[in-house]
């Protein structure tokens, strides 16, 4: 397993043994990750229009913090949950453009969490992290509720590639759309007693709608449909 991890990172391992003295393992890894971190300012500027609010779920605090750091480097905002139940509570309390979850967790597995979230919000993009990622992808064992599988350990470059592939889009543009409509029609907002909570609820309803509904531009405030605020 260790050898496989080193290989995936383009590294080498050497072993020197001496009778009665033990063995020495020398591991050499290329210094490519730092170059990627140094390039973060440019990446952030390029992705400024697609900044995401992300829910990261992992029962290992160090792993969760690493993924959070990868996201915040590029300007995304992050909330962390350390198990499936905590993640569901956070998901119900707000909205997220993307969910990144570990597979093996106590209580509720990552694929179980993904399945539950997809029942609530069918179009919610979800990335699954696992040490068995390469094996699962090779055998075609990707859970139906997961959009992309990413193998652990995750590098910044690999994670950025996964973000591009999953195609998550910021839900904030839906909120801004409703707020803009309310500002354009202030009298309609007053008449309907529209609040910021109403706007957020409408955006969340749009997130939870089916594929055909999400392909359409949301209506302006006051128009009667499943996502209106009237």
C-alpha atoms as a PDB file:
ATOM      1  CA  UNK A   1       0.000   0.000   0.000  1.00  0.00           C
ATOM      2  CA  UNK A   2       2.823   2.403   0.913  1.00  0.00           C
ATOM      3  CA  UNK A   3       4.606   1.584  -2.341  1.00  0.00           C
ATOM      4  CA  UNK A   4       1.422   2.336  -4.314  1.00  0.00           C
ATOM      5  CA  UNK A   5       1.030   5.731  -2.642  1.00  0.00           C
ATOM      6  CA  UNK A   6       4.660   6.651  -3.386  1.00  0.00           C
ATOM      7  CA  UNK A   7       4.256   5.570  -7.014  1.00  0.00           C
ATOM      8  CA  UNK A   8       1.127   7.708  -7.481  1.00  0.00           C
ATOM      9  CA  UNK A   9       3.128  10.724  -6.337  1.00  0.00           C
ATOM     10  CA  UNK A  10       6.007   9.987  -8.719  1.00  0.00           C
ATOM     11  CA  UNK A  11       8.388   9.045  -5.914  1.00  0.00           C
ATOM     12  CA  UNK A  12      10.850   6.261  -5.169  1.00  0.00           C
ATOM     13  CA  UNK A  13      11.659   4.102  -2.156  1.00  0.00           C
ATOM     14  CA  UNK A  14      15.012   2.469  -1.304  1.00  0.00           C
ATOM     15  CA  UNK A  15      15.792  -0.054   1.441  1.00  0.00           C
ATOM     16  CA  UNK A  16      19.140  -0.596   3.120  1.00  0.00           C
ATOM     17  CA  UNK A  17      19.489  -3.478   5.591  1.00  0.00           C
ATOM     18  CA  UNK A  18      22.340  -4.400   7.909  1.00  0.00           C
ATOM     19  CA  UNK A  19      22.428  -7.579   9.939  1.00  0.00           C
ATOM     20  CA  UNK A  20      21.923  -6.807  13.603  1.00  0.00           C
ATOM     21  CA  UNK A  21      21.371  -3.094  12.926  1.00  0.00           C
ATOM     22  CA  UNK A  22      17.975  -3.098  11.197  1.00  0.00           C
ATOM     23  CA  UNK A  23      16.694  -1.542   7.991  1.00  0.00           C
ATOM     24  CA  UNK A  24      16.614   2.014   6.664  1.00  0.00           C
ATOM     25  CA  UNK A  25      13.833   3.107   4.291  1.00  0.00           C
ATOM     26  CA  UNK A  26      14.553   6.171   2.124  1.00  0.00           C
ATOM     27  CA  UNK A  27      11.569   7.771   0.411  1.00  0.00           C
ATOM     28  CA  UNK A  28      12.025  10.496  -2.209  1.00  0.00           C
ATOM     29  CA  UNK A  29       9.106  12.555  -3.513  1.00  0.00           C
ATOM     30  CA  UNK A  30       9.194  15.282  -6.189  1.00  0.00           C
ATOM     31  CA  UNK A  31       8.585  18.828  -4.938  1.00  0.00           C
ATOM     32  CA  UNK A  32       5.699  19.646  -7.273  1.00  0.00           C
ATOM     33  CA  UNK A  33       3.070  20.451  -4.661  1.00  0.00           C
ATOM     34  CA  UNK A  34       4.808  23.609  -3.482  1.00  0.00           C
ATOM     35  CA  UNK A  35       4.900  24.946  -7.022  1.00  0.00           C
ATOM     36  CA  UNK A  36       1.161  24.398  -7.240  1.00  0.00           C
ATOM     37  CA  UNK A  37       0.632  26.273  -3.971  1.00  0.00           C
ATOM     38  CA  UNK A  38       2.782  29.180  -5.194  1.00  0.00           C
ATOM     39  CA  UNK A  39       0.569  29.387  -8.255  1.00  0.00           C
ATOM     40  CA  UNK A  40      -2.576  29.730  -6.125  1.00  0.00           C
ATOM     41  CA  UNK A  41      -2.900  33.502  -6.582  1.00  0.00           C
ATOM     42  CA  UNK A  42      -3.171  33.127 -10.336  1.00  0.00           C
ATOM     43  CA  UNK A  43      -5.594  30.222  -9.967  1.00  0.00           C
ATOM     44  CA  UNK A  44      -7.731  32.203  -7.562  1.00  0.00           C
ATOM     45  CA  UNK A  45      -7.979  35.146  -9.945  1.00  0.00           C
ATOM     46  CA  UNK A  46      -8.968  32.832 -12.801  1.00  0.00           C
ATOM     47  CA  UNK A  47     -11.666  31.102 -10.733  1.00  0.00           C
ATOM     48  CA  UNK A  48     -13.039  34.205  -9.000  1.00  0.00           C
ATOM     49  CA  UNK A  49     -16.335  33.885 -10.881  1.00  0.00           C
ATOM     50  CA  UNK A  50     -16.918  30.304  -9.697  1.00  0.00           C
ATOM     51  CA  UNK A  51     -16.126  30.479  -5.995  1.00  0.00           C
ATOM     52  CA  UNK A  52     -17.983  27.772  -4.108  1.00  0.00           C
ATOM     53  CA  UNK A  53     -19.386  27.153  -0.644  1.00  0.00           C
ATOM     54  CA  UNK A  54     -18.291  23.604   0.207  1.00  0.00           C
ATOM     55  CA  UNK A  55     -19.209  21.071   2.886  1.00  0.00           C
ATOM     56  CA  UNK A  56     -16.196  18.872   3.733  1.00  0.00           C
ATOM     57  CA  UNK A  57     -16.946  15.649   5.637  1.00  0.00           C
ATOM     58  CA  UNK A  58     -14.203  13.456   7.136  1.00  0.00           C
ATOM     59  CA  UNK A  59     -13.846  11.782  10.512  1.00  0.00           C
ATOM     60  CA  UNK A  60     -10.091  12.449  10.483  1.00  0.00           C
ATOM     61  CA  UNK A  61      -9.600  16.105  11.489  1.00  0.00           C
ATOM     62  CA  UNK A  62      -6.216  16.431   9.748  1.00  0.00           C
ATOM     63  CA  UNK A  63      -7.603  15.172   6.447  1.00  0.00           C
ATOM     64  CA  UNK A  64     -10.643  17.443   6.709  1.00  0.00           C
ATOM     65  CA  UNK A  65      -8.376  20.417   7.421  1.00  0.00           C
ATOM     66  CA  UNK A  66      -6.117  19.572   4.470  1.00  0.00           C
ATOM     67  CA  UNK A  67      -9.072  19.512   2.057  1.00  0.00           C
ATOM     68  CA  UNK A  68     -10.353  22.727   3.616  1.00  0.00           C
ATOM     69  CA  UNK A  69      -6.942  24.349   3.073  1.00  0.00           C
ATOM     70  CA  UNK A  70      -6.930  23.249  -0.583  1.00  0.00           C
ATOM     71  CA  UNK A  71     -10.297  24.954  -1.061  1.00  0.00           C
ATOM     72  CA  UNK A  72      -9.566  28.168   0.828  1.00  0.00           C
ATOM     73  CA  UNK A  73      -6.289  28.617  -1.067  1.00  0.00           C
ATOM     74  CA  UNK A  74      -8.405  29.169  -4.176  1.00  0.00           C
ATOM     75  CA  UNK A  75     -10.898  31.440  -2.431  1.00  0.00           C
ATOM     76  CA  UNK A  76     -13.703  28.953  -1.713  1.00  0.00           C
ATOM     77  CA  UNK A  77     -15.520  28.951   1.635  1.00  0.00           C
ATOM     78  CA  UNK A  78     -15.745  25.783   3.708  1.00  0.00           C
ATOM     79  CA  UNK A  79     -17.715  24.194   6.520  1.00  0.00           C
ATOM     80  CA  UNK A  80     -16.374  20.993   8.089  1.00  0.00           C
ATOM     81  CA  UNK A  81     -18.345  18.055   9.485  1.00  0.00           C
ATOM     82  CA  UNK A  82     -16.695  15.054  11.126  1.00  0.00           C
ATOM     83  CA  UNK A  83     -19.406  12.448  10.565  1.00  0.00           C
ATOM     84  CA  UNK A  84     -22.467  11.801   8.442  1.00  0.00           C
ATOM     85  CA  UNK A  85     -25.057  12.976  10.968  1.00  0.00           C
ATOM     86  CA  UNK A  86     -23.194  16.222  11.582  1.00  0.00           C
ATOM     87  CA  UNK A  87     -22.976  16.711   7.812  1.00  0.00           C
ATOM     88  CA  UNK A  88     -26.723  16.199   7.338  1.00  0.00           C
ATOM     89  CA  UNK A  89     -27.473  18.713  10.077  1.00  0.00           C
ATOM     90  CA  UNK A  90     -25.245  21.312   8.428  1.00  0.00           C
ATOM     91  CA  UNK A  91     -26.721  20.517   5.016  1.00  0.00           C
ATOM     92  CA  UNK A  92     -30.263  21.091   6.286  1.00  0.00           C
ATOM     93  CA  UNK A  93     -29.261  24.375   7.914  1.00  0.00           C
ATOM     94  CA  UNK A  94     -27.849  26.020   4.780  1.00  0.00           C
ATOM     95  CA  UNK A  95     -26.931  25.420   1.185  1.00  0.00           C
ATOM     96  CA  UNK A  96     -23.719  24.146  -0.392  1.00  0.00           C
ATOM     97  CA  UNK A  97     -22.460  24.255  -3.953  1.00  0.00           C
ATOM     98  CA  UNK A  98     -20.436  21.076  -3.382  1.00  0.00           C
ATOM     99  CA  UNK A  99     -20.122  18.253  -0.844  1.00  0.00           C
ATOM    100  CA  UNK A 100     -16.770  16.473  -0.398  1.00  0.00           C
ATOM    101  CA  UNK A 101     -17.019  13.384   1.789  1.00  0.00           C
ATOM    102  CA  UNK A 102     -14.810  10.554   3.000  1.00  0.00           C
ATOM    103  CA  UNK A 103     -16.057   7.013   2.305  1.00  0.00           C
ATOM    104  CA  UNK A 104     -15.262   5.107   5.497  1.00  0.00           C
ATOM    105  CA  UNK A 105     -16.722   6.896   8.523  1.00  0.00           C
ATOM    106  CA  UNK A 106     -18.330   5.608  11.727  1.00  0.00           C
ATOM    107  CA  UNK A 107     -22.113   5.646  11.899  1.00  0.00           C
ATOM    108  CA  UNK A 108     -22.857   6.648   8.314  1.00  0.00           C
ATOM    109  CA  UNK A 109     -20.576   5.922   5.374  1.00  0.00           C
ATOM    110  CA  UNK A 110     -19.797   8.502   2.734  1.00  0.00           C
ATOM    111  CA  UNK A 111     -21.837   6.751   0.059  1.00  0.00           C
ATOM    112  CA  UNK A 112     -24.749   6.487   2.505  1.00  0.00           C
ATOM    113  CA  UNK A 113     -24.473  10.209   3.193  1.00  0.00           C
ATOM    114  CA  UNK A 114     -24.324  10.929  -0.537  1.00  0.00           C
ATOM    115  CA  UNK A 115     -27.443   8.862  -1.161  1.00  0.00           C
ATOM    116  CA  UNK A 116     -29.362  10.704   1.552  1.00  0.00           C
ATOM    117  CA  UNK A 117     -28.277  14.115   0.252  1.00  0.00           C
ATOM    118  CA  UNK A 118     -29.242  13.195  -3.320  1.00  0.00           C
ATOM    119  CA  UNK A 119     -32.752  12.335  -2.088  1.00  0.00           C
ATOM    120  CA  UNK A 120     -32.991  15.840  -0.660  1.00  0.00           C
ATOM    121  CA  UNK A 121     -31.209  17.647  -3.511  1.00  0.00           C
ATOM    122  CA  UNK A 122     -30.915  15.443  -6.636  1.00  0.00           C
ATOM    123  CA  UNK A 123     -28.558  17.859  -8.377  1.00  0.00           C
ATOM    124  CA  UNK A 124     -26.127  18.339  -5.484  1.00  0.00           C
ATOM    125  CA  UNK A 125     -22.553  17.705  -6.756  1.00  0.00           C
ATOM    126  CA  UNK A 126     -20.717  15.226  -4.501  1.00  0.00           C
ATOM    127  CA  UNK A 127     -17.057  14.145  -4.501  1.00  0.00           C
ATOM    128  CA  UNK A 128     -16.147  10.932  -2.667  1.00  0.00           C
ATOM    129  CA  UNK A 129     -12.666  10.564  -1.128  1.00  0.00           C
ATOM    130  CA  UNK A 130     -11.266   7.097  -0.449  1.00  0.00           C
ATOM    131  CA  UNK A 131      -8.017   5.196  -0.245  1.00  0.00           C
ATOM    132  CA  UNK A 132      -9.616   2.607  -2.519  1.00  0.00           C
ATOM    133  CA  UNK A 133     -10.396   5.131  -5.253  1.00  0.00           C
ATOM    134  CA  UNK A 134      -8.213   3.613  -7.963  1.00  0.00           C
ATOM    135  CA  UNK A 135      -9.612   0.149  -7.283  1.00  0.00           C
ATOM    136  CA  UNK A 136     -13.221   1.367  -7.292  1.00  0.00           C
ATOM    137  CA  UNK A 137     -12.766   3.275 -10.538  1.00  0.00           C
ATOM    138  CA  UNK A 138     -11.041   0.340 -12.216  1.00  0.00           C
ATOM    139  CA  UNK A 139     -13.859  -2.047 -11.268  1.00  0.00           C
ATOM    140  CA  UNK A 140     -16.628   0.446 -12.056  1.00  0.00           C
ATOM    141  CA  UNK A 141     -17.883   0.494  -8.462  1.00  0.00           C
ATOM    142  CA  UNK A 142     -18.731   4.192  -8.296  1.00  0.00           C
ATOM    143  CA  UNK A 143     -21.910   4.667  -6.212  1.00  0.00           C
ATOM    144  CA  UNK A 144     -24.770   6.138  -8.226  1.00  0.00           C
ATOM    145  CA  UNK A 145     -25.141   8.987  -5.726  1.00  0.00           C
ATOM    146  CA  UNK A 146     -21.526  10.114  -6.201  1.00  0.00           C
ATOM    147  CA  UNK A 147     -20.361  12.299  -9.080  1.00  0.00           C
ATOM    148  CA  UNK A 148     -16.591  11.770  -8.834  1.00  0.00           C
ATOM    149  CA  UNK A 149     -14.281   9.481  -6.848  1.00  0.00           C
ATOM    150  CA  UNK A 150     -10.904  10.900  -5.788  1.00  0.00           C
ATOM    151  CA  UNK A 151      -8.177   8.632  -4.420  1.00  0.00           C
ATOM    152  CA  UNK A 152      -6.473   9.366  -1.114  1.00  0.00           C
ATOM    153  CA  UNK A 153      -4.029  10.820  -0.361  1.00  0.00           C
ATOM    154  CA  UNK A 154      -5.214  13.852  -2.305  1.00  0.00           C
ATOM    155  CA  UNK A 155      -2.826  16.386  -3.781  1.00  0.00           C
ATOM    156  CA  UNK A 156      -3.800  19.979  -4.498  1.00  0.00           C
ATOM    157  CA  UNK A 157      -3.402  19.448  -8.240  1.00  0.00           C
ATOM    158  CA  UNK A 158      -5.568  16.321  -8.228  1.00  0.00           C
ATOM    159  CA  UNK A 159      -8.222  18.028  -6.142  1.00  0.00           C
ATOM    160  CA  UNK A 160      -8.367  21.020  -8.485  1.00  0.00           C
ATOM    161  CA  UNK A 161      -8.831  18.663 -11.412  1.00  0.00           C
ATOM    162  CA  UNK A 162     -11.723  16.992  -9.583  1.00  0.00           C
ATOM    163  CA  UNK A 163     -13.360  20.362  -8.949  1.00  0.00           C
ATOM    164  CA  UNK A 164     -13.165  21.147 -12.657  1.00  0.00           C
ATOM    165  CA  UNK A 165     -14.617  17.759 -13.573  1.00  0.00           C
ATOM    166  CA  UNK A 166     -17.536  17.847 -11.158  1.00  0.00           C
ATOM    167  CA  UNK A 167     -18.704  21.150 -12.649  1.00  0.00           C
ATOM    168  CA  UNK A 168     -20.131  22.579  -9.434  1.00  0.00           C
ATOM    169  CA  UNK A 169     -21.687  26.015  -9.850  1.00  0.00           C
ATOM    170  CA  UNK A 170     -22.201  28.579  -7.102  1.00  0.00           C
ATOM    171  CA  UNK A 171     -25.779  28.711  -5.867  1.00  0.00           C
ATOM    172  CA  UNK A 172     -25.117  32.281  -4.774  1.00  0.00           C
ATOM    173  CA  UNK A 173     -25.984  33.452  -8.292  1.00  0.00           C
ATOM    174  CA  UNK A 174     -29.532  32.212  -7.683  1.00  0.00           C
ATOM    175  CA  UNK A 175     -29.751  34.192  -4.452  1.00  0.00           C
ATOM    176  CA  UNK A 176     -28.352  37.265  -6.207  1.00  0.00           C
ATOM    177  CA  UNK A 177     -30.908  36.812  -8.976  1.00  0.00           C
ATOM    178  CA  UNK A 178     -33.777  36.909  -6.511  1.00  0.00           C
ATOM    179  CA  UNK A 179     -32.280  39.820  -4.598  1.00  0.00           C
ATOM    180  CA  UNK A 180     -31.788  41.750  -7.830  1.00  0.00           C
ATOM    181  CA  UNK A 181     -35.378  41.124  -8.822  1.00  0.00           C
ATOM    182  CA  UNK A 182     -36.547  42.303  -5.414  1.00  0.00           C
ATOM    183  CA  UNK A 183     -34.522  45.495  -5.714  1.00  0.00           C
ATOM    184  CA  UNK A 184     -35.929  46.138  -9.194  1.00  0.00           C
ATOM    185  CA  UNK A 185     -39.467  45.643  -7.900  1.00  0.00           C
ATOM    186  CA  UNK A 186     -39.350  46.972  -4.365  1.00  0.00           C
ATOM    187  CA  UNK A 187     -43.084  47.456  -4.263  1.00  0.00           C
ATOM    188  CA  UNK A 188     -43.571  43.790  -5.159  1.00  0.00           C
ATOM    189  CA  UNK A 189     -41.186  42.785  -2.409  1.00  0.00           C
ATOM    190  CA  UNK A 190     -43.161  44.875   0.092  1.00  0.00           C
ATOM    191  CA  UNK A 191     -46.459  43.491  -1.145  1.00  0.00           C
ATOM    192  CA  UNK A 192     -45.287  39.892  -0.838  1.00  0.00           C
ATOM    193  CA  UNK A 193     -43.454  40.560   2.451  1.00  0.00           C
ATOM    194  CA  UNK A 194     -40.319  38.978   0.999  1.00  0.00           C
ATOM    195  CA  UNK A 195     -37.402  38.616   3.434  1.00  0.00           C
ATOM    196  CA  UNK A 196     -33.812  37.477   3.061  1.00  0.00           C
ATOM    197  CA  UNK A 197     -34.881  34.116   4.525  1.00  0.00           C
ATOM    198  CA  UNK A 198     -37.488  33.840   1.756  1.00  0.00           C
ATOM    199  CA  UNK A 199     -34.810  34.514  -0.828  1.00  0.00           C
ATOM    200  CA  UNK A 200     -32.528  31.859   0.624  1.00  0.00           C
ATOM    201  CA  UNK A 201     -35.419  29.375   0.781  1.00  0.00           C
ATOM    202  CA  UNK A 202     -36.215  30.017  -2.862  1.00  0.00           C
ATOM    203  CA  UNK A 203     -32.600  29.433  -3.808  1.00  0.00           C
ATOM    204  CA  UNK A 204     -32.572  26.205  -1.812  1.00  0.00           C
ATOM    205  CA  UNK A 205     -35.807  25.089  -3.534  1.00  0.00           C
ATOM    206  CA  UNK A 206     -34.108  25.697  -6.852  1.00  0.00           C
ATOM    207  CA  UNK A 207     -31.159  23.563  -5.721  1.00  0.00           C
ATOM    208  CA  UNK A 208     -33.504  20.736  -4.731  1.00  0.00           C
ATOM    209  CA  UNK A 209     -35.514  20.823  -7.959  1.00  0.00           C
ATOM    210  CA  UNK A 210     -35.167  18.250 -10.702  1.00  0.00           C
ATOM    211  CA  UNK A 211     -32.720  18.431 -13.630  1.00  0.00           C
ATOM    212  CA  UNK A 212     -35.157  20.019 -16.080  1.00  0.00           C
ATOM    213  CA  UNK A 213     -36.047  22.773 -13.636  1.00  0.00           C
ATOM    214  CA  UNK A 214     -32.411  23.535 -12.843  1.00  0.00           C
ATOM    215  CA  UNK A 215     -31.619  23.901 -16.537  1.00  0.00           C
ATOM    216  CA  UNK A 216     -33.995  26.824 -16.699  1.00  0.00           C
ATOM    217  CA  UNK A 217     -33.282  30.351 -15.455  1.00  0.00           C
ATOM    218  CA  UNK A 218     -35.222  30.948 -12.197  1.00  0.00           C
ATOM    219  CA  UNK A 219     -38.237  33.205 -12.505  1.00  0.00           C
ATOM    220  CA  UNK A 220     -38.252  36.671 -11.065  1.00  0.00           C
ATOM    221  CA  UNK A 221     -39.850  37.260  -7.689  1.00  0.00           C
ATOM    222  CA  UNK A 222     -43.625  37.253  -7.802  1.00  0.00           C
ATOM    223  CA  UNK A 223     -44.022  34.800 -10.677  1.00  0.00           C
ATOM    224  CA  UNK A 224     -45.917  31.765  -9.470  1.00  0.00           C
ATOM    225  CA  UNK A 225     -44.016  28.524  -9.803  1.00  0.00           C
ATOM    226  CA  UNK A 226     -42.296  25.993  -7.536  1.00  0.00           C
ATOM    227  CA  UNK A 227     -39.422  28.373  -6.802  1.00  0.00           C
ATOM    228  CA  UNK A 228     -41.261  31.700  -6.568  1.00  0.00           C
ATOM    229  CA  UNK A 229     -41.630  33.659  -3.365  1.00  0.00           C
ATOM    230  CA  UNK A 230     -45.144  34.992  -3.855  1.00  0.00           C
END
